[in-house]
Amino acid sequence: MNPCIFFVDDEPRILQSLRRLFRNEAYEIHTFENPLEALEAVMNIKPSVVVSDQRMPQMTGLELLGKVRDLAPETVRIMLTAYADVDVALGGLNSWTVNVFLKKPWDDAELLMEIRNAIKYHKHLVGGGSEPGQGV
């Protein structure tokens, strides 16, 4: 079974770009314009990775990733945003709500590498490892 990645962004063109970037990768890709729909899907699918924008109308990416952490703690959470909000980034990283913080526009090679690293980390977590900060 291929690793599952959720991309959540209220801008359809961003989701289209991400689908295009990952089309040749061996991942099951799901895209959501609405974070509430993504949360509902998390309960059923338990993705390996969730990549979210920060500023969306229904809820912030930090709120979404916090709920993902509660529903599926083994899911790796990545914030991908054009808004370089240092306080949000530090707060998300310090609370373990966000595992990785990346800026838009992204570098394709960097994003692909971060997703590959996230998949490896997810495999470690579901294989019996622990999340950073929860005792190793």
N, C-alpha and C. Protein backbone atom coordinates (compact mmCIF):
# COMPACT_ATOMS: atom_id res chain seq x y z
N MET A 1 0.84 -1.18 0.00
CA MET A 1 0.00 0.00 0.00
C MET A 1 0.89 1.25 0.00
N ASN A 2 0.59 2.18 -0.89
CA ASN A 2 1.38 3.40 -1.00
C ASN A 2 1.07 4.35 0.15
N PRO A 3 2.08 5.10 0.61
CA PRO A 3 1.83 6.10 1.64
C PRO A 3 0.79 7.12 1.16
N CYS A 4 -0.01 7.60 2.08
CA CYS A 4 -1.09 8.53 1.77
C CYS A 4 -0.72 9.93 2.25
N ILE A 5 -0.88 10.90 1.36
CA ILE A 5 -0.58 12.29 1.68
C ILE A 5 -1.82 13.14 1.43
N PHE A 6 -2.16 13.98 2.41
CA PHE A 6 -3.24 14.95 2.27
C PHE A 6 -2.61 16.33 2.06
N PHE A 7 -3.09 17.05 1.05
CA PHE A 7 -2.73 18.45 0.86
C PHE A 7 -3.98 19.27 1.09
N VAL A 8 -3.88 20.29 1.96
CA VAL A 8 -5.04 21.11 2.31
C VAL A 8 -4.69 22.58 2.05
N ASP A 9 -5.43 23.20 1.14
CA ASP A 9 -5.20 24.60 0.79
C ASP A 9 -6.49 25.13 0.17
N ASP A 10 -6.87 26.34 0.52
CA ASP A 10 -8.11 26.89 -0.03
C ASP A 10 -7.94 27.43 -1.44
N GLU A 11 -6.73 27.39 -1.98
CA GLU A 11 -6.48 27.85 -3.35
C GLU A 11 -6.36 26.65 -4.29
N PRO A 12 -7.34 26.47 -5.19
CA PRO A 12 -7.31 25.31 -6.10
C PRO A 12 -6.05 25.23 -6.96
N ARG A 13 -5.50 26.38 -7.35
CA ARG A 13 -4.30 26.34 -8.21
C ARG A 13 -3.09 25.78 -7.45
N ILE A 14 -3.03 26.03 -6.16
CA ILE A 14 -1.94 25.46 -5.35
C ILE A 14 -2.09 23.94 -5.30
N LEU A 15 -3.30 23.47 -5.06
CA LEU A 15 -3.54 22.03 -5.01
C LEU A 15 -3.23 21.38 -6.35
N GLN A 16 -3.58 22.06 -7.44
CA GLN A 16 -3.28 21.54 -8.77
C GLN A 16 -1.77 21.43 -8.98
N SER A 17 -1.03 22.43 -8.55
CA SER A 17 0.44 22.40 -8.66
C SER A 17 1.03 21.25 -7.85
N LEU A 18 0.50 21.04 -6.66
CA LEU A 18 1.00 19.95 -5.81
C LEU A 18 0.68 18.59 -6.43
N ARG A 19 -0.53 18.43 -6.96
CA ARG A 19 -0.88 17.17 -7.63
C ARG A 19 0.07 16.91 -8.79
N ARG A 20 0.36 17.96 -9.55
CA ARG A 20 1.26 17.83 -10.70
C ARG A 20 2.67 17.43 -10.23
N LEU A 21 3.16 18.07 -9.17
CA LEU A 21 4.49 17.78 -8.66
C LEU A 21 4.62 16.33 -8.20
N PHE A 22 3.58 15.79 -7.60
CA PHE A 22 3.64 14.44 -7.01
C PHE A 22 3.04 13.35 -7.89
N ARG A 23 2.65 13.69 -9.12
CA ARG A 23 1.96 12.71 -9.97
C ARG A 23 2.80 11.49 -10.30
N ASN A 24 4.11 11.62 -10.35
CA ASN A 24 4.97 10.48 -10.68
C ASN A 24 5.54 9.78 -9.46
N GLU A 25 5.13 10.21 -8.28
CA GLU A 25 5.60 9.59 -7.04
C GLU A 25 4.64 8.46 -6.65
N ALA A 26 5.15 7.52 -5.90
CA ALA A 26 4.35 6.35 -5.49
C ALA A 26 3.58 6.66 -4.21
N TYR A 27 2.77 7.71 -4.26
CA TYR A 27 1.96 8.11 -3.11
C TYR A 27 0.50 8.17 -3.50
N GLU A 28 -0.36 7.91 -2.54
CA GLU A 28 -1.80 8.13 -2.71
C GLU A 28 -2.07 9.58 -2.29
N ILE A 29 -2.46 10.42 -3.23
CA ILE A 29 -2.62 11.85 -2.97
C ILE A 29 -4.10 12.20 -2.86
N HIS A 30 -4.43 12.95 -1.80
CA HIS A 30 -5.78 13.49 -1.61
C HIS A 30 -5.63 15.00 -1.43
N THR A 31 -6.45 15.78 -2.12
CA THR A 31 -6.41 17.23 -1.96
C THR A 31 -7.75 17.74 -1.45
N PHE A 32 -7.67 18.78 -0.61
CA PHE A 32 -8.86 19.34 0.02
C PHE A 32 -8.76 20.86 0.02
N GLU A 33 -9.81 21.52 -0.46
CA GLU A 33 -9.91 22.97 -0.34
C GLU A 33 -10.50 23.36 1.01
N ASN A 34 -11.20 22.44 1.64
CA ASN A 34 -11.88 22.71 2.90
C ASN A 34 -11.22 21.88 4.01
N PRO A 35 -10.65 22.51 5.02
CA PRO A 35 -10.00 21.75 6.09
C PRO A 35 -10.95 20.86 6.88
N LEU A 36 -12.23 21.23 6.94
CA LEU A 36 -13.19 20.40 7.65
C LEU A 36 -13.38 19.06 6.94
N GLU A 37 -13.37 19.09 5.60
CA GLU A 37 -13.46 17.84 4.84
C GLU A 37 -12.20 17.00 5.03
N ALA A 38 -11.06 17.66 5.12
CA ALA A 38 -9.81 16.94 5.36
C ALA A 38 -9.85 16.25 6.72
N LEU A 39 -10.36 16.94 7.74
CA LEU A 39 -10.45 16.33 9.07
C LEU A 39 -11.35 15.10 9.06
N GLU A 40 -12.46 15.20 8.37
CA GLU A 40 -13.37 14.05 8.27
C GLU A 40 -12.65 12.87 7.62
N ALA A 41 -11.87 13.15 6.58
CA ALA A 41 -11.14 12.09 5.89
C ALA A 41 -10.03 11.51 6.77
N VAL A 42 -9.41 12.34 7.61
CA VAL A 42 -8.36 11.85 8.52
C VAL A 42 -8.91 10.76 9.42
N MET A 43 -10.14 10.93 9.87
CA MET A 43 -10.75 9.94 10.76
C MET A 43 -10.90 8.58 10.09
N ASN A 44 -11.09 8.58 8.77
CA ASN A 44 -11.30 7.34 8.04
C ASN A 44 -10.04 6.75 7.44
N ILE A 45 -9.13 7.60 7.00
CA ILE A 45 -7.98 7.13 6.22
C ILE A 45 -6.68 7.08 7.02
N LYS A 46 -6.47 7.96 8.00
CA LYS A 46 -5.22 8.04 8.77
C LYS A 46 -4.02 8.19 7.83
N PRO A 47 -3.86 9.37 7.21
CA PRO A 47 -2.77 9.57 6.25
C PRO A 47 -1.39 9.52 6.90
N SER A 48 -0.39 9.27 6.09
CA SER A 48 0.99 9.30 6.57
C SER A 48 1.42 10.73 6.84
N VAL A 49 1.01 11.65 5.97
CA VAL A 49 1.42 13.05 6.03
C VAL A 49 0.24 13.95 5.70
N VAL A 50 0.11 15.06 6.43
CA VAL A 50 -0.83 16.12 6.07
C VAL A 50 -0.02 17.40 5.88
N VAL A 51 -0.18 18.00 4.71
CA VAL A 51 0.48 19.27 4.38
C VAL A 51 -0.62 20.32 4.29
N SER A 52 -0.52 21.37 5.12
CA SER A 52 -1.59 22.37 5.16
C SER A 52 -1.07 23.78 5.01
N ASP A 53 -1.87 24.60 4.34
CA ASP A 53 -1.67 26.04 4.32
C ASP A 53 -2.03 26.57 5.71
N GLN A 54 -1.56 27.76 6.07
CA GLN A 54 -1.89 28.34 7.36
C GLN A 54 -3.20 29.13 7.31
N ARG A 55 -3.33 30.02 6.34
CA ARG A 55 -4.48 30.93 6.32
C ARG A 55 -5.56 30.42 5.38
N MET A 56 -6.62 29.92 5.99
CA MET A 56 -7.78 29.42 5.25
C MET A 56 -9.03 29.96 5.92
N PRO A 57 -10.14 30.10 5.18
CA PRO A 57 -11.34 30.70 5.76
C PRO A 57 -11.96 29.90 6.91
N GLN A 58 -12.02 28.59 6.81
CA GLN A 58 -12.75 27.79 7.81
C GLN A 58 -11.98 27.64 9.12
N MET A 59 -10.67 27.49 9.06
CA MET A 59 -9.82 27.39 10.24
C MET A 59 -8.38 27.57 9.79
N THR A 60 -7.52 27.90 10.73
CA THR A 60 -6.11 28.06 10.37
C THR A 60 -5.46 26.69 10.19
N GLY A 61 -4.35 26.69 9.51
CA GLY A 61 -3.60 25.45 9.36
C GLY A 61 -3.12 24.91 10.69
N LEU A 62 -2.75 25.81 11.60
CA LEU A 62 -2.31 25.38 12.93
C LEU A 62 -3.44 24.68 13.68
N GLU A 63 -4.65 25.21 13.56
CA GLU A 63 -5.81 24.56 14.18
C GLU A 63 -6.05 23.19 13.56
N LEU A 64 -6.00 23.14 12.23
CA LEU A 64 -6.19 21.87 11.52
C LEU A 64 -5.15 20.84 11.95
N LEU A 65 -3.89 21.24 11.94
CA LEU A 65 -2.83 20.28 12.26
C LEU A 65 -2.88 19.85 13.73
N GLY A 66 -3.36 20.73 14.60
CA GLY A 66 -3.57 20.34 16.00
C GLY A 66 -4.64 19.26 16.12
N LYS A 67 -5.71 19.40 15.35
CA LYS A 67 -6.77 18.39 15.37
C LYS A 67 -6.29 17.08 14.74
N VAL A 68 -5.47 17.20 13.68
CA VAL A 68 -4.88 15.99 13.07
C VAL A 68 -4.01 15.28 14.10
N ARG A 69 -3.21 16.05 14.84
CA ARG A 69 -2.35 15.45 15.88
C ARG A 69 -3.19 14.67 16.90
N ASP A 70 -4.33 15.23 17.28
CA ASP A 70 -5.19 14.57 18.25
C ASP A 70 -5.86 13.31 17.68
N LEU A 71 -6.27 13.38 16.41
CA LEU A 71 -6.97 12.25 15.78
C LEU A 71 -6.02 11.15 15.31
N ALA A 72 -4.85 11.54 14.83
CA ALA A 72 -3.90 10.59 14.25
C ALA A 72 -2.48 11.04 14.61
N PRO A 73 -2.06 10.81 15.86
CA PRO A 73 -0.77 11.34 16.32
C PRO A 73 0.43 10.87 15.51
N GLU A 74 0.30 9.75 14.83
CA GLU A 74 1.41 9.24 14.02
C GLU A 74 1.51 9.91 12.66
N THR A 75 0.52 10.71 12.29
CA THR A 75 0.55 11.43 11.02
C THR A 75 1.54 12.59 11.13
N VAL A 76 2.45 12.69 10.17
CA VAL A 76 3.42 13.77 10.15
C VAL A 76 2.73 15.01 9.59
N ARG A 77 2.94 16.15 10.27
CA ARG A 77 2.22 17.37 9.95
C ARG A 77 3.18 18.45 9.43
N ILE A 78 2.88 18.95 8.23
CA ILE A 78 3.73 19.95 7.58
C ILE A 78 2.90 21.20 7.29
N MET A 79 3.43 22.35 7.68
CA MET A 79 2.81 23.64 7.37
C MET A 79 3.51 24.21 6.15
N LEU A 80 2.74 24.53 5.12
CA LEU A 80 3.26 25.11 3.88
C LEU A 80 2.50 26.41 3.65
N THR A 81 3.17 27.55 3.85
CA THR A 81 2.44 28.80 3.79
C THR A 81 3.26 29.93 3.19
N ALA A 82 2.57 30.86 2.57
CA ALA A 82 3.21 32.06 2.01
C ALA A 82 3.44 33.10 3.09
N TYR A 83 2.79 32.93 4.19
CA TYR A 83 2.89 33.91 5.26
C TYR A 83 3.96 33.47 6.25
N ALA A 84 5.05 34.22 6.26
CA ALA A 84 6.18 33.87 7.13
C ALA A 84 5.91 34.38 8.54
N ASP A 85 4.92 33.82 9.18
CA ASP A 85 4.53 34.21 10.53
C ASP A 85 5.39 33.43 11.52
N VAL A 86 6.43 34.09 12.00
CA VAL A 86 7.41 33.42 12.87
C VAL A 86 6.75 32.91 14.15
N ASP A 87 5.84 33.69 14.73
CA ASP A 87 5.19 33.26 15.97
C ASP A 87 4.38 31.99 15.76
N VAL A 88 3.65 31.93 14.64
CA VAL A 88 2.86 30.73 14.34
C VAL A 88 3.79 29.54 14.13
N ALA A 89 4.86 29.76 13.37
CA ALA A 89 5.81 28.67 13.10
C ALA A 89 6.42 28.15 14.39
N LEU A 90 6.91 29.06 15.23
CA LEU A 90 7.54 28.63 16.48
C LEU A 90 6.54 27.98 17.42
N GLY A 91 5.35 28.55 17.51
CA GLY A 91 4.32 27.96 18.36
C GLY A 91 3.94 26.57 17.90
N GLY A 92 3.79 26.40 16.60
CA GLY A 92 3.43 25.10 16.05
C GLY A 92 4.53 24.07 16.25
N LEU A 93 5.77 24.49 16.05
CA LEU A 93 6.89 23.56 16.23
C LEU A 93 7.09 23.23 17.70
N ASN A 94 7.00 24.23 18.57
CA ASN A 94 7.21 24.00 20.00
C ASN A 94 6.13 23.13 20.63
N SER A 95 4.93 23.17 20.10
CA SER A 95 3.83 22.36 20.66
C SER A 95 3.72 21.00 19.99
N TRP A 96 4.62 20.69 19.07
CA TRP A 96 4.58 19.46 18.28
C TRP A 96 3.33 19.35 17.43
N THR A 97 2.66 20.50 17.21
CA THR A 97 1.52 20.51 16.30
C THR A 97 2.01 20.40 14.86
N VAL A 98 3.14 21.05 14.59
CA VAL A 98 3.75 21.05 13.26
C VAL A 98 5.11 20.38 13.36
N ASN A 99 5.36 19.41 12.49
CA ASN A 99 6.66 18.76 12.45
C ASN A 99 7.65 19.51 11.57
N VAL A 100 7.15 20.10 10.47
CA VAL A 100 8.00 20.80 9.51
C VAL A 100 7.26 22.06 9.05
N PHE A 101 7.99 23.16 8.91
CA PHE A 101 7.42 24.42 8.44
C PHE A 101 8.13 24.81 7.16
N LEU A 102 7.39 24.96 6.05
CA LEU A 102 7.96 25.34 4.75
C LEU A 102 7.23 26.55 4.20
N LYS A 103 7.96 27.38 3.45
CA LYS A 103 7.37 28.59 2.87
C LYS A 103 6.98 28.39 1.42
N LYS A 104 5.88 29.08 1.03
CA LYS A 104 5.52 29.22 -0.37
C LYS A 104 6.18 30.50 -0.87
N PRO A 105 6.61 30.60 -2.09
CA PRO A 105 6.63 29.48 -3.04
C PRO A 105 7.69 28.48 -2.62
N TRP A 106 7.37 27.22 -2.79
CA TRP A 106 8.28 26.17 -2.37
C TRP A 106 9.26 25.83 -3.49
N ASP A 107 10.35 25.24 -3.08
CA ASP A 107 11.31 24.66 -4.02
C ASP A 107 10.89 23.21 -4.22
N ASP A 108 10.65 22.80 -5.47
CA ASP A 108 10.15 21.44 -5.74
C ASP A 108 11.03 20.37 -5.11
N ALA A 109 12.35 20.48 -5.30
CA ALA A 109 13.26 19.46 -4.78
C ALA A 109 13.21 19.41 -3.26
N GLU A 110 13.12 20.58 -2.61
CA GLU A 110 13.05 20.61 -1.15
C GLU A 110 11.75 19.99 -0.65
N LEU A 111 10.64 20.33 -1.29
CA LEU A 111 9.35 19.78 -0.87
C LEU A 111 9.32 18.26 -1.06
N LEU A 112 9.80 17.78 -2.19
CA LEU A 112 9.86 16.33 -2.42
C LEU A 112 10.72 15.65 -1.35
N MET A 113 11.87 16.25 -1.01
CA MET A 113 12.75 15.69 0.01
C MET A 113 12.06 15.67 1.38
N GLU A 114 11.40 16.77 1.73
CA GLU A 114 10.72 16.83 3.03
C GLU A 114 9.59 15.80 3.12
N ILE A 115 8.87 15.59 2.03
CA ILE A 115 7.81 14.58 2.03
C ILE A 115 8.42 13.19 2.18
N ARG A 116 9.50 12.92 1.47
CA ARG A 116 10.17 11.61 1.61
C ARG A 116 10.64 11.40 3.05
N ASN A 117 11.22 12.43 3.65
CA ASN A 117 11.65 12.33 5.05
C ASN A 117 10.45 12.11 5.97
N ALA A 118 9.35 12.79 5.70
CA ALA A 118 8.15 12.63 6.51
C ALA A 118 7.60 11.21 6.41
N ILE A 119 7.63 10.64 5.22
CA ILE A 119 7.16 9.26 5.02
C ILE A 119 8.04 8.30 5.82
N LYS A 120 9.35 8.50 5.77
CA LYS A 120 10.27 7.65 6.55
C LYS A 120 9.98 7.77 8.04
N TYR A 121 9.75 9.00 8.49
CA TYR A 121 9.47 9.23 9.91
C TYR A 121 8.14 8.58 10.30
N HIS A 122 7.15 8.70 9.44
CA HIS A 122 5.86 8.06 9.72
C HIS A 122 6.03 6.55 9.85
N LYS A 123 6.80 5.96 8.95
CA LYS A 123 7.05 4.51 9.04
C LYS A 123 7.72 4.15 10.35
N HIS A 124 8.63 5.01 10.82
CA HIS A 124 9.28 4.79 12.11
C HIS A 124 8.25 4.85 13.25
N LEU A 125 7.37 5.84 13.19
CA LEU A 125 6.36 6.00 14.25
C LEU A 125 5.41 4.81 14.31
N VAL A 126 4.90 4.38 13.17
CA VAL A 126 3.95 3.27 13.19
C VAL A 126 4.65 1.94 13.42
N GLY A 127 5.97 1.95 13.24
CA GLY A 127 6.74 0.73 13.50
C GLY A 127 7.19 0.61 14.94
N GLY A 128 6.72 1.51 15.81
CA GLY A 128 7.03 1.39 17.23
C GLY A 128 7.90 2.50 17.77
N GLY A 129 8.25 3.49 16.95
CA GLY A 129 9.04 4.61 17.45
C GLY A 129 8.15 5.56 18.22
N SER A 130 8.75 6.62 18.75
CA SER A 130 7.97 7.62 19.47
C SER A 130 8.15 8.97 18.82
N GLU A 131 7.18 9.83 19.00
CA GLU A 131 7.25 11.18 18.46
C GLU A 131 8.25 11.97 19.29
N PRO A 132 9.01 12.88 18.65
CA PRO A 132 9.95 13.68 19.42
C PRO A 132 9.23 14.37 20.57
N GLY A 133 9.91 14.43 21.71
CA GLY A 133 9.31 15.07 22.87
C GLY A 133 8.45 14.14 23.69
N GLN A 134 8.26 12.90 23.25
CA GLN A 134 7.43 11.96 23.99
C GLN A 134 8.24 10.77 24.47
N GLY A 135 9.52 11.00 24.67
CA GLY A 135 10.38 9.93 25.18
C GLY A 135 10.80 8.99 24.09
N VAL A 136 12.09 8.82 23.96
CA VAL A 136 12.61 7.96 22.90
C VAL A 136 13.19 6.71 23.50
